[in-house]
Amino acid sequence: MTIDGDGLYLVAGLALLLGAVLPRLLRRYAVSAPIAFVGAGLLLGLAVDRTKLSPIEEPELTKHLAELTVIVALMGVGLAIDRPISLLRWSVTWRLLFVAMPACVAALTGIGWLLGLAPATALLVAAVLAPTDPVLASDIQVGGPTTGDGAEPEEDDEVRFALTSEAGLNDGLAYPLVYLAVFSVTKAHSTVEWLGWHLIGKSVIGVAIGLGAGWLLGKMAFSAPSKSFRLADSREPVLALAMTLGVYGLAEVLHGYGFLAVFVAALALRAAERSHDFHAELHNFIGELEHILTWVILLLLGVAITGGLLEPLTLAGVAIGVLLVFVVRPLIAWLSLAGSELHRSEKWMTAAFGVRGVSSIYYLAAVGATFATDLPWLWATVGFTIVLSVVVHGVAATPAMQLLDLRRDRAS
């Protein structure tokens, strides 16, 4: 049986209703909402025309849907963080970004090469799977902004803060590594040009646009001379969406990294007036939109799997996914945190919960055409790794964090 275009409205309505009910139903069970949505997508794939919903057949739709989901999530993550950005107070984040992430890419590239992949293909799959996800990691992230009269915003949970801030920044920092894999095939740029422009130049532009736009919109929202522009007084949460789309578009037009720009802009807006409860309203608004987009992505992933997305999967692809989730990320991230102020259990938690997800879908959809010969295998490997991460981390996240909180309480 297949569902026509009109029937898809019914499916969409039922999916949204499911999204509203599932989180409440699953609170007592070791099944996260992302797991349930992938499962629902598997069932939905039996009823719809799966050939029209394949990421291989619809790369542009896949790219833009994943892109929108990621930037909305990045805005939500940035608004949720209380801690002002700092070299010292974000030291764990910098270790994860500049030590663990490149080392994971190098290790996974080496593993791919040893498993028989071409060097460029091995680098691409490693780079695509490199960023941890701001979309699917809500159970292990900070809960939201601390606001209100007399509030003293500051995260006291280093694990949640580290995983949240890492996910906010490493989506943009994965771009240069993905481009390096593409350039190794196309020979479009030299190593010096990649280093100077794609690694440094575009990152600097993205950060600068984020800082400038966030500061400007913060001034407008909280202290504009005219009440018409003072959106915090009029309680217009649509500012969060306008800022997300506008900042991302501006950064991309000016050839900067839009993912970096959006996250930095959210941090800058948050810094404009930290205790104002308008931040909580912005975060709640963008969070609802993020949930809807996430449900759609996960349902479509399930549909694509039913349609045969994983059929080209090989033992090499399985090995890459399993090693990344269970060995490469946990071990390398744990080593990168040696000497940090985290306790031993906190180090393992931070290292183990590097969730893979929507950002990997975006990167592969964006550059996959360059690797047309390997594209079915790449999608199968990335799809398998995402589902593995969703299941493993979805089952383990809540009880693991509860156990960590219990140990902290006993220690205190």
Protein backbone atom coordinates (compact mmCIF):
# COMPACT_ATOMS: atom_id res chain seq x y z
CA MET A 1 0.00 0.00 0.00
CA THR A 2 1.18 3.53 -0.76
CA ILE A 3 -0.01 6.91 0.44
CA ASP A 4 -0.58 9.73 -2.04
CA GLY A 5 0.24 13.41 -1.53
CA ASP A 6 -2.99 14.18 0.32
CA GLY A 7 -2.52 11.18 2.55
CA LEU A 8 0.84 12.53 3.61
CA TYR A 9 -0.97 15.33 5.47
CA LEU A 10 -2.65 12.66 7.57
CA VAL A 11 0.69 10.97 8.17
CA ALA A 12 2.29 14.30 9.10
CA GLY A 13 -0.51 15.07 11.57
CA LEU A 14 -0.24 11.66 13.18
CA ALA A 15 3.54 12.01 13.37
CA LEU A 16 3.27 15.36 15.17
CA LEU A 17 0.71 13.91 17.58
CA LEU A 18 3.07 11.01 18.18
CA GLY A 19 5.85 13.51 18.86
CA ALA A 20 3.77 15.26 21.48
CA VAL A 21 2.85 12.02 23.28
CA LEU A 22 6.00 9.90 22.99
CA PRO A 23 8.29 11.81 25.40
CA ARG A 24 5.69 11.45 28.16
CA LEU A 25 5.09 7.76 27.45
CA LEU A 26 8.78 6.90 27.44
CA ARG A 27 9.89 8.67 30.61
CA ARG A 28 9.85 5.46 32.64
CA TYR A 29 11.50 3.27 30.01
CA ALA A 30 14.99 2.98 28.55
CA VAL A 31 13.70 4.10 25.15
CA SER A 32 14.40 7.65 24.04
CA ALA A 33 12.11 9.59 21.73
CA PRO A 34 14.68 9.47 18.86
CA ILE A 35 14.68 5.65 19.02
CA ALA A 36 10.89 5.61 18.85
CA PHE A 37 10.82 7.99 15.90
CA VAL A 38 13.30 5.94 13.91
CA GLY A 39 11.16 2.89 14.67
CA ALA A 40 8.02 4.74 13.59
CA GLY A 41 9.80 5.71 10.38
CA LEU A 42 10.61 2.05 9.71
CA LEU A 43 6.90 1.25 9.96
CA LEU A 44 5.90 4.32 7.96
CA GLY A 45 8.23 3.18 5.19
CA LEU A 46 5.92 0.21 4.61
CA ALA A 47 3.08 2.55 3.65
CA VAL A 48 4.67 5.33 1.58
CA ASP A 49 6.57 5.52 -1.69
CA ARG A 50 10.05 5.05 -0.29
CA THR A 51 11.84 5.77 -3.58
CA LYS A 52 10.80 9.43 -3.34
CA LEU A 53 12.16 9.80 0.19
CA SER A 54 15.67 8.47 -0.29
CA PRO A 55 18.55 10.83 0.55
CA ILE A 56 20.38 9.49 -2.51
CA GLU A 57 17.49 10.39 -4.82
CA GLU A 58 16.71 13.70 -3.06
CA PRO A 59 20.09 15.12 -1.97
CA GLU A 60 18.99 18.78 -2.11
CA LEU A 61 15.88 18.20 -0.01
CA THR A 62 17.92 16.14 2.44
CA LYS A 63 20.64 18.77 2.62
CA HIS A 64 18.33 21.72 3.26
CA LEU A 65 16.10 19.90 5.76
CA ALA A 66 19.13 18.72 7.74
CA GLU A 67 20.74 22.16 7.40
CA LEU A 68 17.66 23.89 8.83
CA THR A 69 17.42 21.38 11.67
CA VAL A 70 21.06 21.86 12.63
CA ILE A 71 21.03 25.68 12.63
CA VAL A 72 17.82 25.78 14.67
CA ALA A 73 19.41 23.36 17.15
CA LEU A 74 22.58 25.46 17.28
CA MET A 75 20.57 28.55 18.16
CA GLY A 76 18.81 26.62 20.92
CA VAL A 77 22.09 25.27 22.29
CA GLY A 78 23.70 28.71 22.27
CA LEU A 79 20.75 30.26 24.10
CA ALA A 80 20.81 27.46 26.70
CA ILE A 81 24.42 28.04 27.79
CA ASP A 82 24.83 30.31 30.80
CA ARG A 83 28.61 30.36 31.04
CA PRO A 84 30.40 33.27 29.30
CA ILE A 85 32.90 32.07 26.72
CA SER A 86 36.43 31.92 28.12
CA LEU A 87 39.74 30.20 27.48
CA LEU A 88 39.94 28.84 31.03
CA ARG A 89 36.30 28.19 31.86
CA TRP A 90 35.76 26.41 28.54
CA SER A 91 39.00 24.43 28.80
CA VAL A 92 37.30 21.03 28.57
CA THR A 93 35.48 22.16 25.43
CA TRP A 94 38.72 23.26 23.79
CA ARG A 95 40.28 19.87 24.54
CA LEU A 96 37.37 18.08 22.89
CA LEU A 97 37.40 20.39 19.87
CA PHE A 98 41.08 20.83 19.11
CA VAL A 99 42.53 17.57 20.41
CA ALA A 100 39.86 14.88 20.45
CA MET A 101 38.03 15.76 17.24
CA PRO A 102 41.06 15.92 14.88
CA ALA A 103 42.52 12.81 16.53
CA CYS A 104 39.22 10.92 16.04
CA VAL A 105 39.18 11.91 12.36
CA ALA A 106 42.79 10.78 11.91
CA ALA A 107 42.19 7.49 13.71
CA LEU A 108 38.99 6.72 11.81
CA THR A 109 40.65 7.62 8.51
CA GLY A 110 43.45 5.19 9.30
CA ILE A 111 40.94 2.48 10.21
CA GLY A 112 39.07 3.05 6.94
CA TRP A 113 42.30 2.83 4.97
CA LEU A 114 43.26 -0.41 6.73
CA LEU A 115 39.81 -1.79 5.90
CA GLY A 116 40.45 -1.21 2.21
CA LEU A 117 38.90 2.19 1.55
CA ALA A 118 40.49 4.73 -0.75
CA PRO A 119 42.26 7.41 1.33
CA ALA A 120 39.85 10.18 0.24
CA THR A 121 36.79 8.05 0.98
CA ALA A 122 38.19 7.08 4.37
CA LEU A 123 38.82 10.74 5.19
CA LEU A 124 35.35 11.76 4.05
CA VAL A 125 33.48 9.22 6.14
CA ALA A 126 35.65 10.12 9.15
CA ALA A 127 35.04 13.86 8.68
CA VAL A 128 31.30 13.44 8.08
CA LEU A 129 30.98 11.42 11.29
CA ALA A 130 33.32 13.72 13.25
CA PRO A 131 30.89 16.27 14.76
CA THR A 132 28.82 15.38 17.80
CA ASP A 133 25.22 16.36 17.37
CA PRO A 134 23.36 19.29 18.94
CA VAL A 135 20.05 17.82 17.79
CA LEU A 136 19.86 14.32 19.29
CA ALA A 137 21.71 14.91 22.56
CA SER A 138 19.09 16.70 24.65
CA ASP A 139 19.28 14.15 27.48
CA ILE A 140 22.95 14.97 28.08
CA GLN A 141 22.89 18.72 27.50
CA VAL A 142 22.21 21.68 29.75
CA GLY A 143 18.52 22.16 30.37
CA GLY A 144 18.16 25.79 29.36
CA PRO A 145 19.05 29.35 30.33
CA THR A 146 18.98 30.41 33.98
CA THR A 147 17.01 33.65 34.07
CA GLY A 148 14.92 35.84 36.34
CA ASP A 149 15.48 38.41 39.04
CA GLY A 150 18.45 37.62 41.23
CA ALA A 151 19.61 34.78 38.99
CA GLU A 152 23.32 34.06 38.83
CA PRO A 153 23.66 32.17 35.56
CA GLU A 154 26.39 29.54 35.66
CA GLU A 155 26.52 25.85 34.76
CA ASP A 156 27.57 23.64 37.65
CA ASP A 157 27.49 20.41 35.62
CA GLU A 158 30.76 20.14 33.70
CA VAL A 159 29.69 17.05 31.77
CA ARG A 160 26.51 18.57 30.39
CA PHE A 161 28.25 21.86 29.72
CA ALA A 162 31.15 20.20 27.89
CA LEU A 163 28.90 18.07 25.68
CA THR A 164 26.61 21.01 24.93
CA SER A 165 29.35 23.48 24.05
CA GLU A 166 31.24 20.85 22.04
CA ALA A 167 28.16 20.07 19.97
CA GLY A 168 27.58 23.77 19.40
CA LEU A 169 31.04 24.41 17.98
CA ASN A 170 32.21 21.26 16.26
CA ASP A 171 29.55 21.32 13.53
CA GLY A 172 31.27 24.33 12.02
CA LEU A 173 34.76 23.00 12.66
CA ALA A 174 33.98 19.81 10.75
CA TYR A 175 33.57 21.82 7.53
CA PRO A 176 37.30 22.17 6.78
CA LEU A 177 37.87 18.45 7.25
CA VAL A 178 35.00 17.57 4.92
CA TYR A 179 36.36 20.01 2.34
CA LEU A 180 39.82 18.47 2.68
CA ALA A 181 38.38 15.10 1.63
CA VAL A 182 36.65 16.72 -1.35
CA PHE A 183 39.78 18.61 -2.42
CA SER A 184 41.86 15.44 -2.21
CA VAL A 185 39.67 14.06 -4.99
CA THR A 186 39.01 17.16 -7.09
CA LYS A 187 42.48 18.75 -6.65
CA ALA A 188 40.62 22.08 -6.69
CA HIS A 189 42.79 23.71 -4.01
CA SER A 190 46.29 23.42 -2.65
CA THR A 191 47.07 22.49 0.94
CA VAL A 192 48.15 26.06 1.67
CA GLU A 193 44.87 27.44 0.32
CA TRP A 194 42.88 24.93 2.33
CA LEU A 195 44.80 25.82 5.49
CA GLY A 196 44.65 29.59 5.01
CA TRP A 197 41.11 29.97 3.68
CA HIS A 198 38.96 26.93 4.45
CA LEU A 199 40.42 26.19 7.88
CA ILE A 200 41.20 29.69 9.18
CA GLY A 201 39.65 32.36 6.96
CA LYS A 202 36.09 31.02 6.75
CA SER A 203 36.10 30.19 10.47
CA VAL A 204 37.18 33.72 11.39
CA ILE A 205 34.46 35.20 9.17
CA GLY A 206 31.82 32.97 10.76
CA VAL A 207 32.87 33.88 14.30
CA ALA A 208 33.08 37.61 13.48
CA ILE A 209 29.61 37.67 11.91
CA GLY A 210 28.18 35.76 14.86
CA LEU A 211 29.71 38.12 17.40
CA GLY A 212 28.66 41.23 15.50
CA ALA A 213 25.11 40.12 14.73
CA GLY A 214 24.52 38.77 18.24
CA TRP A 215 25.80 41.99 19.85
CA LEU A 216 23.73 44.19 17.52
CA LEU A 217 20.52 42.21 17.96
CA GLY A 218 21.11 42.04 21.71
CA LYS A 219 21.36 45.83 21.89
CA MET A 220 18.23 46.16 19.79
CA ALA A 221 16.21 43.60 21.75
CA PHE A 222 17.10 44.76 25.25
CA SER A 223 18.10 48.43 25.11
CA ALA A 224 16.91 50.02 21.85
CA PRO A 225 15.82 53.67 22.32
CA SER A 226 12.56 52.96 20.50
CA LYS A 227 10.09 50.56 22.09
CA SER A 228 9.16 49.34 18.62
CA PHE A 229 12.60 47.74 18.28
CA ARG A 230 12.87 46.54 21.89
CA LEU A 231 11.65 43.01 21.22
CA ALA A 232 12.34 41.81 24.76
CA ASP A 233 9.63 44.16 26.04
CA SER A 234 7.11 43.07 23.41
CA ARG A 235 7.94 39.39 23.98
CA GLU A 236 8.50 38.49 20.34
CA PRO A 237 10.18 35.06 20.41
CA VAL A 238 10.24 34.99 16.61
CA LEU A 239 13.49 36.94 17.05
CA ALA A 240 15.19 33.58 17.63
CA LEU A 241 14.11 32.22 14.26
CA ALA A 242 14.78 35.50 12.44
CA MET A 243 18.24 35.61 13.97
CA THR A 244 18.92 31.97 13.11
CA LEU A 245 18.03 32.33 9.44
CA GLY A 246 19.48 35.83 9.01
CA VAL A 247 22.83 35.16 10.62
CA TYR A 248 23.26 31.86 8.82
CA GLY A 249 22.36 33.42 5.47
CA LEU A 250 24.69 36.40 6.01
CA ALA A 251 27.61 34.17 6.96
CA GLU A 252 27.11 31.93 3.94
CA VAL A 253 26.77 34.89 1.55
CA LEU A 254 30.04 36.32 2.91
CA HIS A 255 31.72 32.88 2.58
CA GLY A 256 32.00 32.20 6.29
CA TYR A 257 30.90 29.12 8.19
CA GLY A 258 27.22 29.62 8.97
CA PHE A 259 27.05 26.94 11.66
CA LEU A 260 29.74 28.71 13.66
CA ALA A 261 28.08 32.08 13.11
CA VAL A 262 24.69 30.94 14.43
CA PHE A 263 26.08 29.38 17.60
CA VAL A 264 28.36 32.36 18.35
CA ALA A 265 25.48 34.79 17.67
CA ALA A 266 23.34 32.94 20.23
CA LEU A 267 26.14 33.21 22.79
CA ALA A 268 26.52 36.94 22.05
CA LEU A 269 22.78 37.54 22.39
CA ARG A 270 22.82 35.63 25.65
CA ALA A 271 25.64 37.87 26.91
CA ALA A 272 23.69 41.06 26.18
CA GLU A 273 21.45 40.67 29.23
CA ARG A 274 22.05 37.34 30.92
CA SER A 275 19.34 37.31 33.58
CA HIS A 276 16.48 38.57 31.38
CA ASP A 277 13.72 35.98 31.20
CA PHE A 278 13.21 36.74 27.50
CA HIS A 279 16.07 34.30 26.88
CA ALA A 280 13.95 31.48 28.29
CA GLU A 281 11.09 32.41 25.96
CA LEU A 282 13.42 32.46 22.96
CA HIS A 283 14.87 29.09 23.98
CA ASN A 284 11.43 27.52 24.44
CA PHE A 285 10.22 28.81 21.07
CA ILE A 286 13.25 27.58 19.16
CA GLY A 287 13.15 24.30 21.11
CA GLU A 288 9.63 23.51 19.90
CA LEU A 289 10.66 24.14 16.30
CA GLU A 290 13.75 21.98 16.77
CA HIS A 291 11.63 19.10 18.07
CA ILE A 292 9.35 19.19 15.04
CA LEU A 293 12.24 19.25 12.58
CA THR A 294 13.99 16.45 14.46
CA TRP A 295 10.88 14.28 14.33
CA VAL A 296 10.69 14.77 10.57
CA ILE A 297 14.38 13.90 10.05
CA LEU A 298 14.18 10.74 12.17
CA LEU A 299 10.95 9.58 10.53
CA LEU A 300 12.50 10.05 7.09
CA LEU A 301 15.64 8.20 8.20
CA GLY A 302 13.48 5.26 9.26
CA VAL A 303 11.59 5.39 5.95
CA ALA A 304 14.87 5.41 4.01
CA ILE A 305 16.14 2.38 5.95
CA THR A 306 12.95 0.47 5.13
CA GLY A 307 13.54 1.47 1.51
CA GLY A 308 16.96 -0.16 1.46
CA LEU A 309 19.36 2.54 2.66
CA LEU A 310 21.45 -0.04 4.54
CA GLU A 311 21.55 -2.64 1.78
CA PRO A 312 25.02 -1.56 0.50
CA LEU A 313 26.42 -1.78 4.05
CA THR A 314 29.58 -3.90 4.28
CA LEU A 315 31.58 -5.30 7.17
CA ALA A 316 33.92 -2.33 6.75
CA GLY A 317 31.02 0.09 7.27
CA VAL A 318 29.81 -1.82 10.31
CA ALA A 319 33.32 -1.84 11.75
CA ILE A 320 33.68 1.92 11.26
CA GLY A 321 30.40 2.64 13.05
CA VAL A 322 30.98 0.23 15.91
CA LEU A 323 34.57 1.32 16.47
CA LEU A 324 33.64 5.01 16.42
CA VAL A 325 30.82 4.66 18.95
CA PHE A 326 32.44 2.14 21.31
CA VAL A 327 36.19 2.64 20.98
CA VAL A 328 37.55 5.59 18.97
CA ARG A 329 35.50 8.46 20.39
CA PRO A 330 35.43 7.25 24.03
CA LEU A 331 39.13 6.40 24.18
CA ILE A 332 40.49 9.45 22.35
CA ALA A 333 38.18 11.90 24.12
CA TRP A 334 39.11 10.37 27.49
CA LEU A 335 42.82 10.75 26.70
CA SER A 336 42.25 14.36 25.62
CA LEU A 337 40.77 15.11 29.06
CA ALA A 338 43.83 13.82 30.95
CA GLY A 339 44.89 16.44 33.48
CA SER A 340 41.55 18.27 33.40
CA GLU A 341 39.59 19.06 36.55
CA LEU A 342 36.91 16.49 35.74
CA HIS A 343 36.61 13.50 38.03
CA ARG A 344 37.25 10.08 36.55
CA SER A 345 33.57 9.19 36.11
CA GLU A 346 32.90 12.61 34.57
CA LYS A 347 35.71 12.07 32.05
CA TRP A 348 34.26 8.76 30.94
CA MET A 349 30.77 10.22 30.64
CA THR A 350 32.00 13.15 28.58
CA ALA A 351 34.08 10.88 26.38
CA ALA A 352 31.44 8.22 25.82
CA PHE A 353 28.46 10.38 24.88
CA GLY A 354 29.49 11.89 21.56
CA VAL A 355 26.17 11.42 19.77
CA ARG A 356 26.19 11.20 15.95
CA GLY A 357 23.22 12.53 14.04
CA VAL A 358 21.71 15.15 11.79
CA SER A 359 24.88 17.12 11.06
CA SER A 360 26.41 13.99 9.50
CA ILE A 361 23.37 13.73 7.22
CA TYR A 362 23.85 17.34 6.16
CA TYR A 363 27.54 16.99 5.33
CA LEU A 364 27.08 13.85 3.27
CA ALA A 365 24.14 15.32 1.38
CA ALA A 366 26.16 18.47 0.69
CA VAL A 367 29.30 16.85 -0.78
CA GLY A 368 28.28 13.29 -1.57
CA ALA A 369 27.98 13.89 -5.31
CA THR A 370 31.77 14.20 -5.48
CA PHE A 371 31.97 10.55 -4.35
CA ALA A 372 29.23 9.23 -6.65
CA THR A 373 30.75 5.76 -6.99
CA ASP A 374 30.86 5.21 -3.23
CA LEU A 375 27.69 7.16 -2.41
CA PRO A 376 25.36 4.21 -1.62
CA TRP A 377 27.99 2.72 0.68
CA LEU A 378 28.63 6.09 2.33
CA TRP A 379 24.94 6.58 3.05
CA ALA A 380 24.64 3.04 4.38
CA THR A 381 27.63 3.53 6.69
CA VAL A 382 26.52 6.92 7.96
CA GLY A 383 22.92 5.74 8.38
CA PHE A 384 24.05 2.67 10.31
CA THR A 385 26.31 4.74 12.58
CA ILE A 386 23.57 7.26 13.33
CA VAL A 387 21.06 4.54 14.20
CA LEU A 388 23.65 2.76 16.33
CA SER A 389 24.40 6.00 18.17
CA VAL A 390 20.71 6.82 18.60
CA VAL A 391 20.03 3.39 20.11
CA VAL A 392 23.13 3.05 22.30
CA HIS A 393 23.22 6.61 23.58
CA GLY A 394 19.43 6.85 23.75
CA VAL A 395 19.21 3.81 26.02
CA ALA A 396 22.23 4.70 28.15
CA ALA A 397 22.03 8.49 28.48
CA THR A 398 19.33 8.96 31.11
CA PRO A 399 20.36 6.15 33.51
CA ALA A 400 24.04 7.05 33.12
CA MET A 401 23.42 10.70 33.95
CA GLN A 402 21.21 9.71 36.89
CA LEU A 403 23.98 7.46 38.20
CA LEU A 404 26.53 10.24 37.81
CA ASP A 405 24.27 12.68 39.66
CA LEU A 406 23.80 10.12 42.45
CA ARG A 407 27.58 9.68 42.84
CA ARG A 408 27.99 13.46 43.00
CA ASP A 409 25.34 13.70 45.71
CA ARG A 410 27.05 11.01 47.76
CA ALA A 411 30.43 12.67 47.33
CA SER A 412 29.07 16.02 48.49
